[in-house]
Amino acid sequence: MNHVTNIAAAHPATIDVGGKPYLRDAKGNLVPVETVKATDLLMDETVRKITGFARELSAQMARFKGHTFEDVNSLQALFRQEYDAPLGGAKGNITLTTFDGLQRVQVQVADLIAFGPELQAAKALIDECLVDWSADSHAALRALVSRVFSVEKEGHINRAELFMLMRFEIDDERWVRAMKAIRDSIRVIGSKAYVRFYERGAADEPWQTISIDLARV
C-alpha cells in the first residue's frame, strides 16, 4: 500500500457513514474518500499538519506575550514600591536592558485613533484650495492629497500620509481651517502595547532585532 492509499485509509477528517469513510467538501457535501483524488488527499493532509503546528505556535506566542507583560508589570510594581516612582514613560513606554548592555526589551504603547466627521469638512476645504490654485502649483501637495484620501476601504484613509499633510504650512485661510478640522477630527479610542526584543554581540555593535514575525525569520 503506497503513501497516498494510507492517507485515504486513515485520514483524520473522515466521517463514517454506514461503515464507509467520507470527506466533506468545500460546499458541505459528503464525498466518498475512495473517489477523492490521491493528490487532493495528500494536499489536505499536508495543510492540516501545517495548520496544526501553526495553531500550537500561535497559542505559545500568546502565552509568551502574556508572560512578557506580566514580567514587565511586576518589575514596574517593584520600582514603584522601592523608589515611589514609576519605571517608564507617562504613556507606559519602557526600555529594559541587561547589565552587560547586550540584550534589550522595549515596550511601546501606541494610541488607537479614529476620525470624526470634521475630516469631511477638511476634505471639502482642501478641495476648494486645490481648485482655486493654479494647476501647476503645489504639484507635490496635490499628489499627497490624492494619496491621503485614496480610500481603499470605506471609512479608512492613509493615516501616515494624512499626518504628513498636516506639516504643510500654507498661508490660505481655508487651508488653516482645514488643518484645524483635521486636528479636531482625531479621536483617541484606545491604545495598544507592542513589545520588541533586541540583542548584540558587543556594546559597540548595533542592535539586532530578535524577530518573532514569521515573514522576517
C-alpha atoms as a PDB file:
ATOM      1  CA  MET A   1       0.000   0.000   0.000  1.00  0.00           C
ATOM      2  CA  ASN A   2       1.536   3.347  -1.058  1.00  0.00           C
ATOM      3  CA  HIS A   3       1.589   6.579   0.993  1.00  0.00           C
ATOM      4  CA  VAL A   4      -1.446   8.100  -0.712  1.00  0.00           C
ATOM      5  CA  THR A   5      -3.507   4.960  -0.146  1.00  0.00           C
ATOM      6  CA  ASN A   6      -2.537   5.080   3.532  1.00  0.00           C
ATOM      7  CA  ILE A   7      -3.865   8.642   3.695  1.00  0.00           C
ATOM      8  CA  ALA A   8      -7.236   7.548   2.337  1.00  0.00           C
ATOM      9  CA  ALA A   9      -7.412   4.675   4.810  1.00  0.00           C
ATOM     10  CA  ALA A  10      -6.625   6.714   7.918  1.00  0.00           C
ATOM     11  CA  HIS A  11      -7.498  10.304   7.077  1.00  0.00           C
ATOM     12  CA  PRO A  12      -8.118  12.403  10.227  1.00  0.00           C
ATOM     13  CA  ALA A  13     -11.119  14.231   8.774  1.00  0.00           C
ATOM     14  CA  THR A  14     -13.050  11.196   7.581  1.00  0.00           C
ATOM     15  CA  ILE A  15     -16.702  10.863   8.538  1.00  0.00           C
ATOM     16  CA  ASP A  16     -18.096   7.359   8.915  1.00  0.00           C
ATOM     17  CA  VAL A  17     -21.425   6.870   7.185  1.00  0.00           C
ATOM     18  CA  GLY A  18     -22.756   3.345   7.195  1.00  0.00           C
ATOM     19  CA  GLY A  19     -19.280   1.936   7.641  1.00  0.00           C
ATOM     20  CA  LYS A  20     -17.819   3.887   4.696  1.00  0.00           C
ATOM     21  CA  PRO A  21     -15.392   6.835   5.046  1.00  0.00           C
ATOM     22  CA  TYR A  22     -16.425  10.195   3.595  1.00  0.00           C
ATOM     23  CA  LEU A  23     -14.872  13.666   3.434  1.00  0.00           C
ATOM     24  CA  ARG A  24     -16.830  16.899   3.477  1.00  0.00           C
ATOM     25  CA  ASP A  25     -16.027  19.164   0.508  1.00  0.00           C
ATOM     26  CA  ALA A  26     -15.987  22.981   0.394  1.00  0.00           C
ATOM     27  CA  LYS A  27     -19.732  23.052  -0.376  1.00  0.00           C
ATOM     28  CA  GLY A  28     -20.585  20.882   2.607  1.00  0.00           C
ATOM     29  CA  ASN A  29     -21.253  17.739   0.572  1.00  0.00           C
ATOM     30  CA  LEU A  30     -20.081  14.343   1.779  1.00  0.00           C
ATOM     31  CA  VAL A  31     -17.777  12.714  -0.760  1.00  0.00           C
ATOM     32  CA  PRO A  32     -16.617   9.059  -0.533  1.00  0.00           C
ATOM     33  CA  VAL A  33     -12.900   9.039   0.273  1.00  0.00           C
ATOM     34  CA  GLU A  34     -12.277   6.455  -2.418  1.00  0.00           C
ATOM     35  CA  THR A  35     -13.440   8.937  -5.086  1.00  0.00           C
ATOM     36  CA  VAL A  36     -11.170  11.774  -3.936  1.00  0.00           C
ATOM     37  CA  LYS A  37      -8.007  12.203  -5.995  1.00  0.00           C
ATOM     38  CA  ALA A  38      -4.854  10.966  -4.294  1.00  0.00           C
ATOM     39  CA  THR A  39      -3.158  14.341  -4.760  1.00  0.00           C
ATOM     40  CA  ASP A  40      -6.100  16.130  -3.090  1.00  0.00           C
ATOM     41  CA  LEU A  41      -5.858  13.765  -0.136  1.00  0.00           C
ATOM     42  CA  LEU A  42      -2.133  14.416   0.150  1.00  0.00           C
ATOM     43  CA  MET A  43      -2.611  18.186  -0.031  1.00  0.00           C
ATOM     44  CA  ASP A  44      -5.381  18.003   2.583  1.00  0.00           C
ATOM     45  CA  GLU A  45      -3.130  16.037   4.955  1.00  0.00           C
ATOM     46  CA  THR A  46      -0.234  18.476   4.444  1.00  0.00           C
ATOM     47  CA  VAL A  47      -2.367  21.556   5.101  1.00  0.00           C
ATOM     48  CA  ARG A  48      -3.891  20.016   8.226  1.00  0.00           C
ATOM     49  CA  LYS A  49      -0.449  19.120   9.588  1.00  0.00           C
ATOM     50  CA  ILE A  50       0.972  22.619   8.951  1.00  0.00           C
ATOM     51  CA  THR A  51      -2.145  24.300  10.350  1.00  0.00           C
ATOM     52  CA  GLY A  52      -1.908  22.179  13.492  1.00  0.00           C
ATOM     53  CA  PHE A  53       1.662  23.330  14.090  1.00  0.00           C
ATOM     54  CA  ALA A  54       0.648  26.934  13.348  1.00  0.00           C
ATOM     55  CA  ARG A  55      -2.191  26.744  15.874  1.00  0.00           C
ATOM     56  CA  GLU A  56       0.164  25.414  18.556  1.00  0.00           C
ATOM     57  CA  LEU A  57       2.763  28.093  17.768  1.00  0.00           C
ATOM     58  CA  SER A  58       0.113  30.840  17.885  1.00  0.00           C
ATOM     59  CA  ALA A  59      -1.029  29.675  21.310  1.00  0.00           C
ATOM     60  CA  GLN A  60       2.578  29.517  22.519  1.00  0.00           C
ATOM     61  CA  MET A  61       3.227  33.070  21.275  1.00  0.00           C
ATOM     62  CA  ALA A  62       0.066  34.298  23.021  1.00  0.00           C
ATOM     63  CA  ARG A  63       1.276  32.748  26.291  1.00  0.00           C
ATOM     64  CA  PHE A  64       4.738  34.247  25.757  1.00  0.00           C
ATOM     65  CA  LYS A  65       3.250  37.710  25.169  1.00  0.00           C
ATOM     66  CA  GLY A  66       1.155  37.418  28.310  1.00  0.00           C
ATOM     67  CA  HIS A  67       4.124  36.290  30.421  1.00  0.00           C
ATOM     68  CA  THR A  68       6.275  39.103  28.985  1.00  0.00           C
ATOM     69  CA  PHE A  69       3.847  41.826  30.006  1.00  0.00           C
ATOM     70  CA  GLU A  70       3.360  40.195  33.409  1.00  0.00           C
ATOM     71  CA  ASP A  71       7.134  40.233  33.993  1.00  0.00           C
ATOM     72  CA  VAL A  72       7.454  43.863  32.895  1.00  0.00           C
ATOM     73  CA  ASN A  73       4.483  44.914  35.040  1.00  0.00           C
ATOM     74  CA  SER A  74       5.964  43.092  38.055  1.00  0.00           C
ATOM     75  CA  LEU A  75       9.248  44.937  37.599  1.00  0.00           C
ATOM     76  CA  GLN A  76       7.435  48.275  37.330  1.00  0.00           C
ATOM     77  CA  ALA A  77       5.486  47.497  40.504  1.00  0.00           C
ATOM     78  CA  LEU A  78       8.740  46.682  42.314  1.00  0.00           C
ATOM     79  CA  PHE A  79      10.264  50.004  41.246  1.00  0.00           C
ATOM     80  CA  ARG A  80       7.184  51.892  42.402  1.00  0.00           C
ATOM     81  CA  GLN A  81       7.413  50.158  45.780  1.00  0.00           C
ATOM     82  CA  GLU A  82      11.171  50.660  46.116  1.00  0.00           C
ATOM     83  CA  TYR A  83      11.506  54.205  44.852  1.00  0.00           C
ATOM     84  CA  ASP A  84       7.945  55.546  44.996  1.00  0.00           C
ATOM     85  CA  ALA A  85       8.353  56.451  41.334  1.00  0.00           C
ATOM     86  CA  PRO A  86       7.182  54.777  38.133  1.00  0.00           C
ATOM     87  CA  LEU A  87       9.526  52.929  35.800  1.00  0.00           C
ATOM     88  CA  GLY A  88       8.963  54.044  32.216  1.00  0.00           C
ATOM     89  CA  GLY A  89       7.322  56.922  30.384  1.00  0.00           C
ATOM     90  CA  ALA A  90       3.998  58.597  31.018  1.00  0.00           C
ATOM     91  CA  LYS A  91       2.227  56.507  28.369  1.00  0.00           C
ATOM     92  CA  GLY A  92       3.763  53.237  29.523  1.00  0.00           C
ATOM     93  CA  ASN A  93       6.702  53.171  27.120  1.00  0.00           C
ATOM     94  CA  ILE A  94       9.691  51.470  28.686  1.00  0.00           C
ATOM     95  CA  THR A  95      13.093  50.104  27.664  1.00  0.00           C
ATOM     96  CA  LEU A  96      14.801  47.453  29.796  1.00  0.00           C
ATOM     97  CA  THR A  97      18.430  46.451  29.247  1.00  0.00           C
ATOM     98  CA  THR A  98      20.617  43.727  30.720  1.00  0.00           C
ATOM     99  CA  PHE A  99      23.518  44.698  32.983  1.00  0.00           C
ATOM    100  CA  ASP A 100      26.056  43.943  30.227  1.00  0.00           C
ATOM    101  CA  GLY A 101      24.110  46.083  27.729  1.00  0.00           C
ATOM    102  CA  LEU A 102      23.743  43.246  25.220  1.00  0.00           C
ATOM    103  CA  GLN A 103      20.029  42.449  25.445  1.00  0.00           C
ATOM    104  CA  ARG A 104      17.042  44.769  25.418  1.00  0.00           C
ATOM    105  CA  VAL A 105      13.271  44.567  25.806  1.00  0.00           C
ATOM    106  CA  GLN A 106      11.280  47.551  24.606  1.00  0.00           C
ATOM    107  CA  VAL A 107       7.584  48.158  25.288  1.00  0.00           C
ATOM    108  CA  GLN A 108       5.851  50.839  23.237  1.00  0.00           C
ATOM    109  CA  VAL A 109       2.272  51.984  23.710  1.00  0.00           C
ATOM    110  CA  ALA A 110       0.571  53.443  20.648  1.00  0.00           C
ATOM    111  CA  ASP A 111      -2.715  55.321  20.599  1.00  0.00           C
ATOM    112  CA  LEU A 112      -5.510  53.847  18.503  1.00  0.00           C
ATOM    113  CA  ILE A 113      -7.216  56.676  16.691  1.00  0.00           C
ATOM    114  CA  ALA A 114     -10.325  57.223  14.607  1.00  0.00           C
ATOM    115  CA  PHE A 115     -11.516  60.237  12.639  1.00  0.00           C
ATOM    116  CA  GLY A 116     -14.770  62.100  13.156  1.00  0.00           C
ATOM    117  CA  PRO A 117     -16.998  63.917  10.623  1.00  0.00           C
ATOM    118  CA  GLU A 118     -14.763  67.005  10.789  1.00  0.00           C
ATOM    119  CA  LEU A 119     -12.489  65.168   8.359  1.00  0.00           C
ATOM    120  CA  GLN A 120     -15.085  65.521   5.601  1.00  0.00           C
ATOM    121  CA  ALA A 121     -15.205  69.270   6.199  1.00  0.00           C
ATOM    122  CA  ALA A 122     -11.410  69.353   5.962  1.00  0.00           C
ATOM    123  CA  LYS A 123     -11.522  67.465   2.670  1.00  0.00           C
ATOM    124  CA  ALA A 124     -14.058  69.960   1.235  1.00  0.00           C
ATOM    125  CA  LEU A 125     -11.870  72.912   2.218  1.00  0.00           C
ATOM    126  CA  ILE A 126      -8.746  71.266   0.765  1.00  0.00           C
ATOM    127  CA  ASP A 127     -10.599  70.595  -2.487  1.00  0.00           C
ATOM    128  CA  GLU A 128     -11.595  74.277  -2.666  1.00  0.00           C
ATOM    129  CA  CYS A 129      -7.959  75.275  -2.300  1.00  0.00           C
ATOM    130  CA  LEU A 130      -6.761  72.875  -4.994  1.00  0.00           C
ATOM    131  CA  VAL A 131      -9.448  74.045  -7.418  1.00  0.00           C
ATOM    132  CA  ASP A 132      -8.565  77.713  -6.939  1.00  0.00           C
ATOM    133  CA  TRP A 133      -4.804  77.292  -7.012  1.00  0.00           C
ATOM    134  CA  SER A 134      -3.170  77.087 -10.434  1.00  0.00           C
ATOM    135  CA  ALA A 135      -2.780  73.590 -11.841  1.00  0.00           C
ATOM    136  CA  ASP A 136       0.999  73.919 -11.897  1.00  0.00           C
ATOM    137  CA  SER A 137       1.362  74.964  -8.263  1.00  0.00           C
ATOM    138  CA  HIS A 138       1.762  72.635  -5.295  1.00  0.00           C
ATOM    139  CA  ALA A 139       2.220  69.564  -7.504  1.00  0.00           C
ATOM    140  CA  ALA A 140       3.706  67.512  -4.654  1.00  0.00           C
ATOM    141  CA  LEU A 141       0.887  68.599  -2.349  1.00  0.00           C
ATOM    142  CA  ARG A 142      -1.763  67.587  -4.874  1.00  0.00           C
ATOM    143  CA  ALA A 143      -0.223  64.137  -5.161  1.00  0.00           C
ATOM    144  CA  LEU A 144      -0.130  63.837  -1.380  1.00  0.00           C
ATOM    145  CA  VAL A 145      -3.784  64.859  -1.017  1.00  0.00           C
ATOM    146  CA  SER A 146      -4.704  62.259  -3.621  1.00  0.00           C
ATOM    147  CA  ARG A 147      -2.886  59.557  -1.638  1.00  0.00           C
ATOM    148  CA  VAL A 148      -4.377  60.650   1.684  1.00  0.00           C
ATOM    149  CA  PHE A 149      -7.961  60.386   0.513  1.00  0.00           C
ATOM    150  CA  SER A 150      -7.484  57.367  -1.729  1.00  0.00           C
ATOM    151  CA  VAL A 151      -9.960  55.229   0.172  1.00  0.00           C
ATOM    152  CA  GLU A 152      -9.190  51.512  -0.002  1.00  0.00           C
ATOM    153  CA  LYS A 153     -11.944  50.560   2.415  1.00  0.00           C
ATOM    154  CA  GLU A 154     -14.994  52.558   3.330  1.00  0.00           C
ATOM    155  CA  GLY A 155     -14.182  54.922   6.185  1.00  0.00           C
ATOM    156  CA  HIS A 156     -10.445  54.330   6.014  1.00  0.00           C
ATOM    157  CA  ILE A 157      -7.758  56.746   4.897  1.00  0.00           C
ATOM    158  CA  ASN A 158      -3.990  56.721   4.653  1.00  0.00           C
ATOM    159  CA  ARG A 159      -3.125  57.925   8.153  1.00  0.00           C
ATOM    160  CA  ALA A 160       0.634  58.242   7.685  1.00  0.00           C
ATOM    161  CA  GLU A 161       0.134  60.459   4.642  1.00  0.00           C
ATOM    162  CA  LEU A 162      -2.506  62.480   6.499  1.00  0.00           C
ATOM    163  CA  PHE A 163      -0.043  63.426   9.226  1.00  0.00           C
ATOM    164  CA  MET A 164       2.480  64.385   6.545  1.00  0.00           C
ATOM    165  CA  LEU A 165      -0.193  66.632   5.011  1.00  0.00           C
ATOM    166  CA  MET A 166      -0.628  68.446   8.321  1.00  0.00           C
ATOM    167  CA  ARG A 167       3.037  69.542   8.230  1.00  0.00           C
ATOM    168  CA  PHE A 168       2.423  71.825   5.254  1.00  0.00           C
ATOM    169  CA  GLU A 169       2.168  75.460   6.311  1.00  0.00           C
ATOM    170  CA  ILE A 170       0.206  77.390   3.676  1.00  0.00           C
ATOM    171  CA  ASP A 171      -0.994  80.966   4.018  1.00  0.00           C
ATOM    172  CA  ASP A 172      -4.575  80.388   2.921  1.00  0.00           C
ATOM    173  CA  GLU A 173      -7.381  80.851   5.422  1.00  0.00           C
ATOM    174  CA  ARG A 174      -9.239  77.827   4.068  1.00  0.00           C
ATOM    175  CA  TRP A 175      -6.128  75.658   4.410  1.00  0.00           C
ATOM    176  CA  VAL A 176      -5.668  76.783   8.014  1.00  0.00           C
ATOM    177  CA  ARG A 177      -9.286  75.893   8.767  1.00  0.00           C
ATOM    178  CA  ALA A 178      -8.868  72.541   7.027  1.00  0.00           C
ATOM    179  CA  MET A 179      -5.868  71.638   9.192  1.00  0.00           C
ATOM    180  CA  LYS A 180      -7.801  72.632  12.319  1.00  0.00           C
ATOM    181  CA  ALA A 181     -10.699  70.443  11.189  1.00  0.00           C
ATOM    182  CA  ILE A 182      -8.324  67.502  10.759  1.00  0.00           C
ATOM    183  CA  ARG A 183      -6.916  68.001  14.250  1.00  0.00           C
ATOM    184  CA  ASP A 184     -10.438  68.282  15.674  1.00  0.00           C
ATOM    185  CA  SER A 185     -11.448  65.084  13.880  1.00  0.00           C
ATOM    186  CA  ILE A 186      -8.876  62.914  15.677  1.00  0.00           C
ATOM    187  CA  ARG A 187     -10.352  60.731  18.421  1.00  0.00           C
ATOM    188  CA  VAL A 188      -8.198  58.501  20.636  1.00  0.00           C
ATOM    189  CA  ILE A 189     -10.300  55.369  21.064  1.00  0.00           C
ATOM    190  CA  GLY A 190      -7.807  53.215  22.923  1.00  0.00           C
ATOM    191  CA  SER A 191      -4.217  52.076  22.973  1.00  0.00           C
ATOM    192  CA  LYS A 192      -2.192  49.016  22.065  1.00  0.00           C
ATOM    193  CA  ALA A 193       1.100  47.876  23.545  1.00  0.00           C
ATOM    194  CA  TYR A 194       3.867  46.438  21.391  1.00  0.00           C
ATOM    195  CA  VAL A 195       6.908  44.598  22.708  1.00  0.00           C
ATOM    196  CA  ARG A 196      10.173  44.248  20.779  1.00  0.00           C
ATOM    197  CA  PHE A 197      13.370  42.382  21.562  1.00  0.00           C
ATOM    198  CA  TYR A 198      16.963  43.224  20.648  1.00  0.00           C
ATOM    199  CA  GLU A 199      20.439  41.830  21.186  1.00  0.00           C
ATOM    200  CA  ARG A 200      24.023  42.490  20.118  1.00  0.00           C
ATOM    201  CA  GLY A 201      27.351  40.740  20.418  1.00  0.00           C
ATOM    202  CA  ALA A 202      29.240  43.631  21.993  1.00  0.00           C
ATOM    203  CA  ALA A 203      28.471  47.039  23.480  1.00  0.00           C
ATOM    204  CA  ASP A 204      29.880  48.838  20.431  1.00  0.00           C
ATOM    205  CA  GLU A 205      27.823  46.815  17.920  1.00  0.00           C
ATOM    206  CA  PRO A 206      24.411  47.845  16.552  1.00  0.00           C
ATOM    207  CA  TRP A 207      21.260  46.311  17.980  1.00  0.00           C
ATOM    208  CA  GLN A 208      19.749  43.369  16.066  1.00  0.00           C
ATOM    209  CA  THR A 209      16.050  42.644  16.277  1.00  0.00           C
ATOM    210  CA  ILE A 210      15.022  39.229  17.605  1.00  0.00           C
ATOM    211  CA  SER A 211      12.210  38.621  15.150  1.00  0.00           C
ATOM    212  CA  ILE A 212       9.073  36.716  16.047  1.00  0.00           C
ATOM    213  CA  ASP A 213       7.451  37.727  12.762  1.00  0.00           C
ATOM    214  CA  LEU A 214       7.193  34.655  10.516  1.00  0.00           C
ATOM    215  CA  ALA A 215       7.773  36.749   7.393  1.00  0.00           C
ATOM    216  CA  ARG A 216      11.067  38.076   8.767  1.00  0.00           C
ATOM    217  CA  VAL A 217      12.573  34.949  10.327  1.00  0.00           C
END
